[in-house]
PDB file of N, CA and C in Angstrom:
ATOM      1  N   MET A   1    -157.546 156.124 219.809  1.00  0.00           N
ATOM      2  CA  MET A   1    -157.274 157.352 219.513  1.00  0.00           C
ATOM      3  C   MET A   1    -157.969 157.631 217.854  1.00  0.00           C
ATOM      4  N   ASP A   2    -159.340 158.185 217.226  1.00  0.00           N
ATOM      5  CA  ASP A   2    -158.791 158.942 216.170  1.00  0.00           C
ATOM      6  C   ASP A   2    -158.487 160.232 215.539  1.00  0.00           C
ATOM      7  N   ASP A   3    -157.794 159.982 215.225  1.00  0.00           N
ATOM      8  CA  ASP A   3    -156.774 161.711 214.796  1.00  0.00           C
ATOM      9  C   ASP A   3    -156.969 162.232 213.623  1.00  0.00           C
ATOM     10  N   THR A   4    -158.200 161.344 213.046  1.00  0.00           N
ATOM     11  CA  THR A   4    -158.531 161.567 211.969  1.00  0.00           C
ATOM     12  C   THR A   4    -159.502 163.145 211.624  1.00  0.00           C
ATOM     13  N   LEU A   5    -159.111 163.723 210.285  1.00  0.00           N
ATOM     14  CA  LEU A   5    -160.404 165.150 210.226  1.00  0.00           C
ATOM     15  C   LEU A   5    -161.123 164.160 209.317  1.00  0.00           C
ATOM     16  N   TYR A   6    -162.207 164.570 209.585  1.00  0.00           N
ATOM     17  CA  TYR A   6    -163.259 165.135 208.861  1.00  0.00           C
ATOM     18  C   TYR A   6    -163.898 166.075 208.264  1.00  0.00           C
ATOM     19  N   ILE A   7    -164.891 166.243 207.348  1.00  0.00           N
ATOM     20  CA  ILE A   7    -164.906 167.364 206.384  1.00  0.00           C
ATOM     21  C   ILE A   7    -166.115 167.177 205.878  1.00  0.00           C
ATOM     22  N   SER A   8    -167.451 167.905 206.132  1.00  0.00           N
ATOM     23  CA  SER A   8    -168.350 168.184 204.980  1.00  0.00           C
ATOM     24  C   SER A   8    -168.832 169.262 204.489  1.00  0.00           C
ATOM     25  N   LYS A   9    -168.453 169.966 203.429  1.00  0.00           N
ATOM     26  CA  LYS A   9    -169.205 171.139 202.913  1.00  0.00           C
ATOM     27  C   LYS A   9    -170.789 171.209 202.369  1.00  0.00           C
ATOM     28  N   GLU A  10    -171.545 172.555 202.760  1.00  0.00           N
ATOM     29  CA  GLU A  10    -172.840 173.312 203.013  1.00  0.00           C
ATOM     30  C   GLU A  10    -172.431 174.849 201.886  1.00  0.00           C
ATOM     31  N   GLU A  11    -173.433 174.516 201.183  1.00  0.00           N
ATOM     32  CA  GLU A  11    -173.857 176.478 200.239  1.00  0.00           C
ATOM     33  C   GLU A  11    -174.437 177.286 201.088  1.00  0.00           C
ATOM     34  N   ILE A  12    -174.420 178.066 201.701  1.00  0.00           N
ATOM     35  CA  ILE A  12    -174.837 178.613 202.589  1.00  0.00           C
ATOM     36  C   ILE A  12    -175.193 180.584 201.409  1.00  0.00           C
ATOM     37  N   GLN A  13    -176.554 180.837 201.571  1.00  0.00           N
ATOM     38  CA  GLN A  13    -176.657 182.271 200.615  1.00  0.00           C
ATOM     39  C   GLN A  13    -176.911 183.696 201.877  1.00  0.00           C
ATOM     40  N   GLY A  14    -175.926 184.333 202.367  1.00  0.00           N
ATOM     41  CA  GLY A  14    -175.991 184.844 203.518  1.00  0.00           C
ATOM     42  C   GLY A  14    -175.851 186.672 202.188  1.00  0.00           C
ATOM     43  N   ARG A  15    -175.483 187.840 202.347  1.00  0.00           N
ATOM     44  CA  ARG A  15    -175.083 188.675 201.371  1.00  0.00           C
ATOM     45  C   ARG A  15    -174.569 188.341 200.101  1.00  0.00           C
ATOM     46  N   VAL A  16    -173.587 187.097 200.379  1.00  0.00           N
ATOM     47  CA  VAL A  16    -173.406 186.592 199.273  1.00  0.00           C
ATOM     48  C   VAL A  16    -173.618 185.229 199.492  1.00  0.00           C
ATOM     49  N   PRO A  17    -172.857 184.324 198.466  1.00  0.00           N
ATOM     50  CA  PRO A  17    -173.226 183.144 198.545  1.00  0.00           C
ATOM     51  C   PRO A  17    -171.351 182.688 199.763  1.00  0.00           C
ATOM     52  N   ILE A  18    -171.410 181.726 200.652  1.00  0.00           N
ATOM     53  CA  ILE A  18    -170.481 181.436 201.466  1.00  0.00           C
ATOM     54  C   ILE A  18    -170.554 179.704 201.304  1.00  0.00           C
ATOM     55  N   THR A  19    -169.391 179.418 201.606  1.00  0.00           N
ATOM     56  CA  THR A  19    -169.223 177.669 201.006  1.00  0.00           C
ATOM     57  C   THR A  19    -168.561 177.853 202.640  1.00  0.00           C
ATOM     58  N   VAL A  20    -169.266 177.467 203.365  1.00  0.00           N
ATOM     59  CA  VAL A  20    -168.942 176.172 204.620  1.00  0.00           C
ATOM     60  C   VAL A  20    -167.672 174.890 204.642  1.00  0.00           C
ATOM     61  N   LEU A  21    -166.986 174.633 205.887  1.00  0.00           N
ATOM     62  CA  LEU A  21    -166.551 173.443 206.040  1.00  0.00           C
ATOM     63  C   LEU A  21    -166.473 173.368 207.022  1.00  0.00           C
ATOM     64  N   ARG A  22    -167.413 172.509 207.692  1.00  0.00           N
ATOM     65  CA  ARG A  22    -167.726 172.113 208.746  1.00  0.00           C
ATOM     66  C   ARG A  22    -166.436 170.694 208.595  1.00  0.00           C
ATOM     67  N   LEU A  23    -166.037 170.653 209.697  1.00  0.00           N
ATOM     68  CA  LEU A  23    -164.545 170.272 210.405  1.00  0.00           C
ATOM     69  C   LEU A  23    -164.685 169.304 211.377  1.00  0.00           C
ATOM     70  N   ARG A  24    -164.258 168.155 212.185  1.00  0.00           N
ATOM     71  CA  ARG A  24    -164.817 167.506 213.248  1.00  0.00           C
ATOM     72  C   ARG A  24    -163.090 166.571 212.647  1.00  0.00           C
ATOM     73  N   GLY A  25    -162.960 166.910 214.542  1.00  0.00           N
ATOM     74  CA  GLY A  25    -161.732 165.476 214.393  1.00  0.00           C
ATOM     75  C   GLY A  25    -160.612 166.469 214.665  1.00  0.00           C
ATOM     76  N   TRP A  26    -159.534 165.933 214.290  1.00  0.00           N
ATOM     77  CA  TRP A  26    -157.720 166.118 214.222  1.00  0.00           C
ATOM     78  C   TRP A  26    -157.548 167.397 213.446  1.00  0.00           C
ATOM     79  N   LEU A  27    -157.334 168.620 213.293  1.00  0.00           N
ATOM     80  CA  LEU A  27    -156.918 169.765 212.469  1.00  0.00           C
ATOM     81  C   LEU A  27    -155.296 169.131 213.265  1.00  0.00           C
ATOM     82  N   ASN A  28    -154.175 168.480 212.208  1.00  0.00           N
ATOM     83  CA  ASN A  28    -153.488 168.379 213.253  1.00  0.00           C
ATOM     84  C   ASN A  28    -152.366 168.251 211.098  1.00  0.00           C
ATOM     85  N   ALA A  29    -151.622 167.809 211.442  1.00  0.00           N
ATOM     86  CA  ALA A  29    -150.611 167.602 209.927  1.00  0.00           C
ATOM     87  C   ALA A  29    -150.738 166.727 209.281  1.00  0.00           C
ATOM     88  N   GLN A  30    -151.927 165.717 210.024  1.00  0.00           N
ATOM     89  CA  GLN A  30    -152.348 164.107 208.861  1.00  0.00           C
ATOM     90  C   GLN A  30    -153.788 165.159 208.110  1.00  0.00           C
ATOM     91  N   GLY A  31    -154.493 166.177 209.390  1.00  0.00           N
ATOM     92  CA  GLY A  31    -155.492 166.502 208.326  1.00  0.00           C
ATOM     93  C   GLY A  31    -155.100 167.619 207.491  1.00  0.00           C
ATOM     94  N   GLU A  32    -153.444 168.105 208.037  1.00  0.00           N
ATOM     95  CA  GLU A  32    -153.595 169.506 207.039  1.00  0.00           C
ATOM     96  C   GLU A  32    -153.752 169.118 205.157  1.00  0.00           C
ATOM     97  N   GLU A  33    -153.610 168.070 204.779  1.00  0.00           N
ATOM     98  CA  GLU A  33    -153.677 168.383 203.959  1.00  0.00           C
ATOM     99  C   GLU A  33    -154.868 168.100 202.849  1.00  0.00           C
ATOM    100  N   THR A  34    -156.203 167.236 203.890  1.00  0.00           N
ATOM    101  CA  THR A  34    -157.814 166.774 203.757  1.00  0.00           C
ATOM    102  C   THR A  34    -157.962 168.247 203.566  1.00  0.00           C
ATOM    103  N   LEU A  35    -157.829 169.383 204.936  1.00  0.00           N
ATOM    104  CA  LEU A  35    -158.583 170.849 205.226  1.00  0.00           C
ATOM    105  C   LEU A  35    -157.707 171.422 203.598  1.00  0.00           C
ATOM    106  N   LEU A  36    -157.109 171.502 202.554  1.00  0.00           N
ATOM    107  CA  LEU A  36    -156.154 172.313 202.076  1.00  0.00           C
ATOM    108  C   LEU A  36    -157.526 171.857 199.656  1.00  0.00           C
ATOM    109  N   ALA A  37    -156.884 170.309 200.025  1.00  0.00           N
ATOM    110  CA  ALA A  37    -157.725 169.615 199.696  1.00  0.00           C
ATOM    111  C   ALA A  37    -159.278 170.332 199.233  1.00  0.00           C
ATOM    112  N   GLU A  38    -160.189 169.919 200.422  1.00  0.00           N
ATOM    113  CA  GLU A  38    -161.787 170.260 200.094  1.00  0.00           C
ATOM    114  C   GLU A  38    -161.116 172.440 199.850  1.00  0.00           C
ATOM    115  N   ALA A  39    -160.488 173.242 200.164  1.00  0.00           N
ATOM    116  CA  ALA A  39    -160.713 174.191 199.829  1.00  0.00           C
ATOM    117  C   ALA A  39    -160.190 174.487 198.509  1.00  0.00           C
ATOM    118  N   ARG A  40    -159.528 173.942 197.994  1.00  0.00           N
ATOM    119  CA  ARG A  40    -159.327 173.319 196.193  1.00  0.00           C
ATOM    120  C   ARG A  40    -159.607 173.828 195.684  1.00  0.00           C
ATOM    121  N   VAL A  41    -160.714 172.559 196.092  1.00  0.00           N
ATOM    122  CA  VAL A  41    -162.247 172.686 195.471  1.00  0.00           C
ATOM    123  C   VAL A  41    -163.110 172.925 195.427  1.00  0.00           C
ATOM    124  N   ALA A  42    -163.195 173.581 196.403  1.00  0.00           N
ATOM    125  CA  ALA A  42    -164.427 174.654 196.723  1.00  0.00           C
ATOM    126  C   ALA A  42    -163.943 176.012 195.808  1.00  0.00           C
ATOM    127  N   TYR A  43    -162.330 176.854 196.247  1.00  0.00           N
ATOM    128  CA  TYR A  43    -162.440 177.105 194.781  1.00  0.00           C
ATOM    129  C   TYR A  43    -162.873 176.739 193.937  1.00  0.00           C
ATOM    130  N   ASP A  44    -162.192 176.200 192.936  1.00  0.00           N
ATOM    131  CA  ASP A  44    -162.294 176.016 191.918  1.00  0.00           C
ATOM    132  C   ASP A  44    -163.258 175.945 190.869  1.00  0.00           C
ATOM    133  N   GLU A  45    -163.980 175.242 192.068  1.00  0.00           N
ATOM    134  CA  GLU A  45    -165.900 175.022 191.946  1.00  0.00           C
ATOM    135  C   GLU A  45    -166.571 176.369 191.773  1.00  0.00           C
ATOM    136  N   GLY A  46    -165.423 177.639 192.402  1.00  0.00           N
ATOM    137  CA  GLY A  46    -166.560 179.047 192.209  1.00  0.00           C
ATOM    138  C   GLY A  46    -166.853 179.609 192.859  1.00  0.00           C
ATOM    139  N   ALA A  47    -166.305 179.107 194.937  1.00  0.00           N
ATOM    140  CA  ALA A  47    -166.510 179.675 195.864  1.00  0.00           C
ATOM    141  C   ALA A  47    -165.336 181.058 196.208  1.00  0.00           C
ATOM    142  N   ARG A  48    -166.074 181.658 196.190  1.00  0.00           N
ATOM    143  CA  ARG A  48    -164.674 182.994 196.861  1.00  0.00           C
ATOM    144  C   ARG A  48    -164.855 183.177 198.058  1.00  0.00           C
ATOM    145  N   PHE A  49    -166.262 182.977 199.018  1.00  0.00           N
ATOM    146  CA  PHE A  49    -165.898 183.489 200.734  1.00  0.00           C
ATOM    147  C   PHE A  49    -165.908 181.871 201.384  1.00  0.00           C
ATOM    148  N   LEU A  50    -165.576 181.871 202.216  1.00  0.00           N
ATOM    149  CA  LEU A  50    -165.857 180.789 203.125  1.00  0.00           C
ATOM    150  C   LEU A  50    -165.739 180.487 204.356  1.00  0.00           C
ATOM    151  N   LEU A  51    -166.703 179.828 205.066  1.00  0.00           N
ATOM    152  CA  LEU A  51    -166.921 179.598 206.279  1.00  0.00           C
ATOM    153  C   LEU A  51    -166.091 178.399 207.392  1.00  0.00           C
ATOM    154  N   LEU A  52    -164.949 178.214 208.213  1.00  0.00           N
ATOM    155  CA  LEU A  52    -164.318 177.341 208.280  1.00  0.00           C
ATOM    156  C   LEU A  52    -165.585 176.725 209.804  1.00  0.00           C
ATOM    157  N   ASP A  53    -166.320 176.774 210.043  1.00  0.00           N
ATOM    158  CA  ASP A  53    -166.645 175.751 211.131  1.00  0.00           C
ATOM    159  C   ASP A  53    -166.196 175.160 212.185  1.00  0.00           C
ATOM    160  N   LEU A  54    -165.460 175.175 213.088  1.00  0.00           N
ATOM    161  CA  LEU A  54    -164.957 174.384 213.985  1.00  0.00           C
ATOM    162  C   LEU A  54    -165.235 173.813 215.128  1.00  0.00           C
ATOM    163  N   ALA A  55    -166.470 173.407 215.685  1.00  0.00           N
ATOM    164  CA  ALA A  55    -167.366 173.249 216.528  1.00  0.00           C
ATOM    165  C   ALA A  55    -166.993 172.221 216.878  1.00  0.00           C
ATOM    166  N   GLU A  56    -166.602 171.080 215.748  1.00  0.00           N
ATOM    167  CA  GLU A  56    -166.130 169.195 216.319  1.00  0.00           C
ATOM    168  C   GLU A  56    -165.246 169.242 216.021  1.00  0.00           C
ATOM    169  N   VAL A  57    -163.925 170.277 216.417  1.00  0.00           N
ATOM    170  CA  VAL A  57    -162.192 170.241 215.826  1.00  0.00           C
ATOM    171  C   VAL A  57    -161.556 170.054 217.365  1.00  0.00           C
ATOM    172  N   ASP A  58    -161.373 168.832 217.411  1.00  0.00           N
ATOM    173  CA  ASP A  58    -161.148 168.126 219.057  1.00  0.00           C
ATOM    174  C   ASP A  58    -159.499 168.780 219.415  1.00  0.00           C
ATOM    175  N   THR A  59    -158.376 168.850 219.001  1.00  0.00           N
ATOM    176  CA  THR A  59    -157.317 169.243 218.196  1.00  0.00           C
ATOM    177  C   THR A  59    -157.008 170.155 217.063  1.00  0.00           C
ATOM    178  N   LEU A  60    -155.682 171.602 217.846  1.00  0.00           N
ATOM    179  CA  LEU A  60    -155.798 172.030 216.464  1.00  0.00           C
ATOM    180  C   LEU A  60    -154.545 172.313 216.651  1.00  0.00           C
ATOM    181  N   THR A  61    -153.397 171.881 216.181  1.00  0.00           N
ATOM    182  CA  THR A  61    -151.861 172.093 216.123  1.00  0.00           C
ATOM    183  C   THR A  61    -151.176 173.007 215.124  1.00  0.00           C
ATOM    184  N   SER A  62    -150.243 173.273 215.098  1.00  0.00           N
ATOM    185  CA  SER A  62    -149.512 173.779 214.652  1.00  0.00           C
ATOM    186  C   SER A  62    -149.233 173.734 212.856  1.00  0.00           C
ATOM    187  N   ALA A  63    -149.567 172.542 212.752  1.00  0.00           N
ATOM    188  CA  ALA A  63    -149.559 172.455 211.190  1.00  0.00           C
ATOM    189  C   ALA A  63    -151.080 172.727 210.807  1.00  0.00           C
ATOM    190  N   GLY A  64    -152.280 172.450 212.011  1.00  0.00           N
ATOM    191  CA  GLY A  64    -153.408 172.385 211.477  1.00  0.00           C
ATOM    192  C   GLY A  64    -154.078 174.225 211.242  1.00  0.00           C
ATOM    193  N   MET A  65    -153.368 174.929 211.579  1.00  0.00           N
ATOM    194  CA  MET A  65    -153.134 176.580 211.261  1.00  0.00           C
ATOM    195  C   MET A  65    -151.925 177.006 210.353  1.00  0.00           C
ATOM    196  N   ARG A  66    -151.455 176.310 210.008  1.00  0.00           N
ATOM    197  CA  ARG A  66    -150.463 176.448 208.980  1.00  0.00           C
ATOM    198  C   ARG A  66    -151.927 175.989 207.813  1.00  0.00           C
ATOM    199  N   ALA A  67    -152.768 174.910 208.062  1.00  0.00           N
ATOM    200  CA  ALA A  67    -153.587 174.889 206.679  1.00  0.00           C
ATOM    201  C   ALA A  67    -154.505 176.123 206.736  1.00  0.00           C
ATOM    202  N   MET A  68    -154.824 176.093 207.676  1.00  0.00           N
ATOM    203  CA  MET A  68    -155.794 177.304 207.431  1.00  0.00           C
ATOM    204  C   MET A  68    -155.563 178.501 207.038  1.00  0.00           C
ATOM    205  N   HIS A  69    -154.142 178.912 207.256  1.00  0.00           N
ATOM    206  CA  HIS A  69    -152.780 180.215 206.720  1.00  0.00           C
ATOM    207  C   HIS A  69    -153.414 180.056 205.752  1.00  0.00           C
ATOM    208  N   LYS A  70    -153.300 178.674 204.743  1.00  0.00           N
ATOM    209  CA  LYS A  70    -152.677 178.810 203.561  1.00  0.00           C
ATOM    210  C   LYS A  70    -154.239 178.651 202.504  1.00  0.00           C
ATOM    211  N   VAL A  71    -155.582 178.376 202.825  1.00  0.00           N
ATOM    212  CA  VAL A  71    -156.346 178.301 202.572  1.00  0.00           C
ATOM    213  C   VAL A  71    -156.933 179.924 202.921  1.00  0.00           C
ATOM    214  N   TYR A  72    -156.892 180.855 203.566  1.00  0.00           N
ATOM    215  CA  TYR A  72    -156.747 181.927 204.170  1.00  0.00           C
ATOM    216  C   TYR A  72    -156.269 183.000 202.505  1.00  0.00           C
ATOM    217  N   LYS A  73    -154.755 182.347 202.176  1.00  0.00           N
ATOM    218  CA  LYS A  73    -154.196 182.649 201.277  1.00  0.00           C
ATOM    219  C   LYS A  73    -154.683 182.337 199.969  1.00  0.00           C
ATOM    220  N   LEU A  74    -155.404 181.592 199.786  1.00  0.00           N
ATOM    221  CA  LEU A  74    -156.412 180.918 198.617  1.00  0.00           C
ATOM    222  C   LEU A  74    -156.773 181.640 197.716  1.00  0.00           C
ATOM    223  N   PHE A  75    -158.003 182.177 198.965  1.00  0.00           N
ATOM    224  CA  PHE A  75    -159.129 183.018 199.034  1.00  0.00           C
ATOM    225  C   PHE A  75    -159.070 184.187 199.541  1.00  0.00           C
ATOM    226  N   THR A  76    -158.236 184.992 199.372  1.00  0.00           N
ATOM    227  CA  THR A  76    -157.572 185.725 198.872  1.00  0.00           C
ATOM    228  C   THR A  76    -156.256 187.200 198.960  1.00  0.00           C
ATOM    229  N   PRO A  77    -157.240 187.881 197.704  1.00  0.00           N
ATOM    230  CA  PRO A  77    -155.905 187.983 196.873  1.00  0.00           C
ATOM    231  C   PRO A  77    -155.554 189.498 197.454  1.00  0.00           C
ATOM    232  N   GLN A  78    -154.107 188.626 197.306  1.00  0.00           N
ATOM    233  CA  GLN A  78    -152.983 189.887 197.413  1.00  0.00           C
ATOM    234  C   GLN A  78    -153.494 191.441 197.631  1.00  0.00           C
ATOM    235  N   GLU A  79    -154.243 191.917 196.340  1.00  0.00           N
ATOM    236  CA  GLU A  79    -154.125 193.526 197.031  1.00  0.00           C
ATOM    237  C   GLU A  79    -155.362 193.553 197.890  1.00  0.00           C
ATOM    238  N   GLU A  80    -156.566 192.807 198.238  1.00  0.00           N
ATOM    239  CA  GLU A  80    -157.563 193.041 199.352  1.00  0.00           C
ATOM    240  C   GLU A  80    -157.305 192.061 200.477  1.00  0.00           C
ATOM    241  N   ARG A  81    -156.054 192.221 200.783  1.00  0.00           N
ATOM    242  CA  ARG A  81    -156.028 191.183 202.006  1.00  0.00           C
ATOM    243  C   ARG A  81    -155.598 192.255 203.158  1.00  0.00           C
ATOM    244  N   PHE A  82    -156.149 193.283 203.404  1.00  0.00           N
ATOM    245  CA  PHE A  82    -156.244 194.678 203.911  1.00  0.00           C
ATOM    246  C   PHE A  82    -157.761 194.874 204.478  1.00  0.00           C
ATOM    247  N   LYS A  83    -158.379 194.652 203.437  1.00  0.00           N
ATOM    248  CA  LYS A  83    -159.809 195.232 202.491  1.00  0.00           C
ATOM    249  C   LYS A  83    -160.910 193.832 203.765  1.00  0.00           C
ATOM    250  N   ALA A  84    -160.952 193.376 202.160  1.00  0.00           N
ATOM    251  CA  ALA A  84    -161.912 192.315 202.526  1.00  0.00           C
ATOM    252  C   ALA A  84    -162.051 191.067 203.241  1.00  0.00           C
ATOM    253  N   LEU A  85    -162.550 190.293 204.067  1.00  0.00           N
ATOM    254  CA  LEU A  85    -162.869 189.615 204.719  1.00  0.00           C
ATOM    255  C   LEU A  85    -163.366 187.760 203.903  1.00  0.00           C
ATOM    256  N   ARG A  86    -162.466 187.519 203.389  1.00  0.00           N
ATOM    257  CA  ARG A  86    -163.064 186.274 201.936  1.00  0.00           C
ATOM    258  C   ARG A  86    -162.865 184.824 203.324  1.00  0.00           C
ATOM    259  N   VAL A  87    -162.254 185.004 204.546  1.00  0.00           N
ATOM    260  CA  VAL A  87    -162.093 183.087 205.207  1.00  0.00           C
ATOM    261  C   VAL A  87    -162.800 183.636 206.909  1.00  0.00           C
ATOM    262  N   LYS A  88    -163.346 183.436 207.027  1.00  0.00           N
ATOM    263  CA  LYS A  88    -164.032 183.017 208.769  1.00  0.00           C
ATOM    264  C   LYS A  88    -163.843 181.569 208.652  1.00  0.00           C
ATOM    265  N   MET A  89    -164.007 182.361 210.794  1.00  0.00           N
ATOM    266  CA  MET A  89    -164.057 180.390 210.856  1.00  0.00           C
ATOM    267  C   MET A  89    -165.258 181.201 212.254  1.00  0.00           C
ATOM    268  N   CYS A  90    -166.145 179.849 212.984  1.00  0.00           N
ATOM    269  CA  CYS A  90    -167.100 179.847 214.063  1.00  0.00           C
ATOM    270  C   CYS A  90    -167.054 178.764 214.840  1.00  0.00           C
ATOM    271  N   ASN A  91    -167.150 179.258 215.607  1.00  0.00           N
ATOM    272  CA  ASN A  91    -168.328 177.617 217.320  1.00  0.00           C
ATOM    273  C   ASN A  91    -166.720 177.420 217.322  1.00  0.00           C
ATOM    274  N   ALA A  92    -165.189 177.821 217.437  1.00  0.00           N
ATOM    275  CA  ALA A  92    -164.150 177.066 218.508  1.00  0.00           C
ATOM    276  C   ALA A  92    -164.519 176.793 219.279  1.00  0.00           C
ATOM    277  N   PRO A  93    -164.116 175.351 219.525  1.00  0.00           N
ATOM    278  CA  PRO A  93    -164.239 175.454 220.918  1.00  0.00           C
ATOM    279  C   PRO A  93    -163.284 176.293 222.331  1.00  0.00           C
ATOM    280  N   GLN A  94    -163.700 176.103 223.053  1.00  0.00           N
ATOM    281  CA  GLN A  94    -162.363 177.435 223.513  1.00  0.00           C
ATOM    282  C   GLN A  94    -161.217 176.807 223.700  1.00  0.00           C
ATOM    283  N   GLN A  95    -160.774 175.520 223.721  1.00  0.00           N
ATOM    284  CA  GLN A  95    -159.639 175.320 223.564  1.00  0.00           C
ATOM    285  C   GLN A  95    -159.119 175.128 222.326  1.00  0.00           C
ATOM    286  N   VAL A  96    -159.683 175.032 221.422  1.00  0.00           N
ATOM    287  CA  VAL A  96    -159.044 175.921 220.181  1.00  0.00           C
ATOM    288  C   VAL A  96    -159.219 177.381 220.149  1.00  0.00           C
ATOM    289  N   TYR A  97    -160.249 178.407 220.589  1.00  0.00           N
ATOM    290  CA  TYR A  97    -159.844 179.876 220.203  1.00  0.00           C
ATOM    291  C   TYR A  97    -159.079 180.099 221.074  1.00  0.00           C
ATOM    292  N   ASN A  98    -158.605 179.812 222.066  1.00  0.00           N
ATOM    293  CA  ASN A  98    -157.648 179.823 223.017  1.00  0.00           C
ATOM    294  C   ASN A  98    -156.103 179.754 222.336  1.00  0.00           C
ATOM    295  N   VAL A  99    -155.665 178.721 221.303  1.00  0.00           N
ATOM    296  CA  VAL A  99    -154.902 178.481 220.599  1.00  0.00           C
ATOM    297  C   VAL A  99    -154.363 179.705 219.505  1.00  0.00           C
ATOM    298  N   LEU A 100    -155.363 179.694 218.821  1.00  0.00           N
ATOM    299  CA  LEU A 100    -156.029 180.539 217.547  1.00  0.00           C
ATOM    300  C   LEU A 100    -155.516 182.733 218.547  1.00  0.00           C
ATOM    301  N   GLY A 101    -155.838 182.451 219.424  1.00  0.00           N
ATOM    302  CA  GLY A 101    -155.449 183.536 220.288  1.00  0.00           C
ATOM    303  C   GLY A 101    -153.992 183.600 220.695  1.00  0.00           C
ATOM    304  N   ILE A 102    -153.785 183.085 221.477  1.00  0.00           N
ATOM    305  CA  ILE A 102    -152.340 183.452 221.875  1.00  0.00           C
ATOM    306  C   ILE A 102    -151.388 183.298 220.872  1.00  0.00           C
ATOM    307  N   THR A 103    -151.615 182.502 219.509  1.00  0.00           N
ATOM    308  CA  THR A 103    -150.711 183.336 218.123  1.00  0.00           C
ATOM    309  C   THR A 103    -151.025 183.842 217.746  1.00  0.00           C
ATOM    310  N   GLY A 104    -151.977 184.434 217.714  1.00  0.00           N
ATOM    311  CA  GLY A 104    -152.451 185.859 217.277  1.00  0.00           C
ATOM    312  C   GLY A 104    -153.458 185.894 215.694  1.00  0.00           C
ATOM    313  N   PHE A 105    -153.533 184.503 215.349  1.00  0.00           N
ATOM    314  CA  PHE A 105    -154.187 183.958 214.331  1.00  0.00           C
ATOM    315  C   PHE A 105    -156.091 184.713 214.106  1.00  0.00           C
ATOM    316  N   LEU A 106    -156.315 184.657 215.036  1.00  0.00           N
ATOM    317  CA  LEU A 106    -157.518 185.670 215.021  1.00  0.00           C
ATOM    318  C   LEU A 106    -157.639 187.563 214.787  1.00  0.00           C
ATOM    319  N   HIS A 107    -156.126 187.921 214.279  1.00  0.00           N
ATOM    320  CA  HIS A 107    -155.870 189.090 213.396  1.00  0.00           C
ATOM    321  C   HIS A 107    -156.202 188.932 212.156  1.00  0.00           C
ATOM    322  N   ASN A 108    -156.329 187.770 211.729  1.00  0.00           N
ATOM    323  CA  ASN A 108    -155.770 187.684 210.279  1.00  0.00           C
ATOM    324  C   ASN A 108    -157.534 186.821 209.716  1.00  0.00           C
ATOM    325  N   ILE A 109    -158.063 186.340 210.631  1.00  0.00           N
ATOM    326  CA  ILE A 109    -159.322 184.976 210.561  1.00  0.00           C
ATOM    327  C   ILE A 109    -159.710 185.076 211.564  1.00  0.00           C
ATOM    328  N   PRO A 110    -161.350 186.041 211.944  1.00  0.00           N
ATOM    329  CA  PRO A 110    -162.026 185.943 212.853  1.00  0.00           C
ATOM    330  C   PRO A 110    -162.701 185.018 213.103  1.00  0.00           C
ATOM    331  N   ASN A 111    -163.188 184.751 215.116  1.00  0.00           N
ATOM    332  CA  ASN A 111    -164.003 183.409 215.040  1.00  0.00           C
ATOM    333  C   ASN A 111    -165.611 184.228 215.708  1.00  0.00           C
ATOM    334  N   TYR A 112    -166.432 183.827 214.948  1.00  0.00           N
ATOM    335  CA  TYR A 112    -167.801 184.215 215.422  1.00  0.00           C
ATOM    336  C   TYR A 112    -168.480 182.588 216.189  1.00  0.00           C
ATOM    337  N   GLU A 113    -169.843 183.337 217.305  1.00  0.00           N
ATOM    338  CA  GLU A 113    -169.395 182.456 218.449  1.00  0.00           C
ATOM    339  C   GLU A 113    -170.913 181.510 217.732  1.00  0.00           C
ATOM    340  N   SER A 114    -170.846 181.988 216.937  1.00  0.00           N
ATOM    341  CA  SER A 114    -171.776 181.259 215.867  1.00  0.00           C
ATOM    342  C   SER A 114    -172.058 181.622 213.970  1.00  0.00           C
ATOM    343  N   LEU A 115    -172.838 180.147 213.405  1.00  0.00           N
ATOM    344  CA  LEU A 115    -172.446 180.093 211.915  1.00  0.00           C
ATOM    345  C   LEU A 115    -173.285 181.423 211.691  1.00  0.00           C
ATOM    346  N   GLN A 116    -174.791 181.745 212.275  1.00  0.00           N
ATOM    347  CA  GLN A 116    -175.679 183.031 211.895  1.00  0.00           C
ATOM    348  C   GLN A 116    -174.904 183.958 211.711  1.00  0.00           C
ATOM    349  N   GLU A 117    -173.845 184.166 213.141  1.00  0.00           N
ATOM    350  CA  GLU A 117    -173.185 185.742 213.211  1.00  0.00           C
ATOM    351  C   GLU A 117    -172.135 186.159 212.358  1.00  0.00           C
ATOM    352  N   ALA A 118    -171.746 184.984 211.715  1.00  0.00           N
ATOM    353  CA  ALA A 118    -170.798 184.298 211.394  1.00  0.00           C
ATOM    354  C   ALA A 118    -170.803 184.867 209.454  1.00  0.00           C
ATOM    355  N   VAL A 119    -172.309 184.135 208.928  1.00  0.00           N
ATOM    356  CA  VAL A 119    -172.747 184.546 207.919  1.00  0.00           C
ATOM    357  C   VAL A 119    -173.129 185.869 207.969  1.00  0.00           C
ATOM    358  N   ASP A 120    -173.349 186.232 208.973  1.00  0.00           N
ATOM    359  CA  ASP A 120    -174.244 187.949 208.584  1.00  0.00           C
ATOM    360  C   ASP A 120    -172.895 188.669 207.939  1.00  0.00           C
ATOM    361  N   SER A 121    -172.038 188.599 208.843  1.00  0.00           N
ATOM    362  CA  SER A 121    -170.786 188.902 208.934  1.00  0.00           C
ATOM    363  C   SER A 121    -170.029 189.880 206.735  1.00  0.00           C
ATOM    364  N   PHE A 122    -170.611 188.586 206.495  1.00  0.00           N
ATOM    365  CA  PHE A 122    -169.849 188.916 204.911  1.00  0.00           C
ATOM    366  C   PHE A 122    -170.606 190.051 204.413  1.00  0.00           C
ATOM    367  N   THR A 123    -169.656 190.430 203.789  1.00  0.00           N
ATOM    368  CA  THR A 123    -170.197 191.548 202.360  1.00  0.00           C
ATOM    369  C   THR A 123    -168.662 191.174 201.699  1.00  0.00           C
ATOM    370  N   GLU A 124    -169.858 192.114 200.794  1.00  0.00           N
ATOM    371  CA  GLU A 124    -168.639 191.405 199.159  1.00  0.00           C
ATOM    372  C   GLU A 124    -168.298 192.524 199.444  1.00  0.00           C
TER     373      GLU A 124
END
């Protein structure tokens, strides 16, 4: 069983420029640093709006949620935490969506059913 996390990056222009990180595999303790490193690179390159495409995430653990929370904090200035949503998710498989819902994670980082719906939701 391969529990590696693979990430590909794409830039999409919506109302604002959006960096999409497409995750594939297991978002667990081993993948935590992989996600954080990719997010830091994107942020350092000027990205300010991030979309995590979870369509191919097989497993999400508490370490994976911790990583997503750290990404949220990196992209969201303290003074904007309750105003602007700079990090969003899309395409979460049912089992991943259930975990996110049970833990209350969706209160801070919303999940959209499609990439286009998520892209259209970003505003400055």
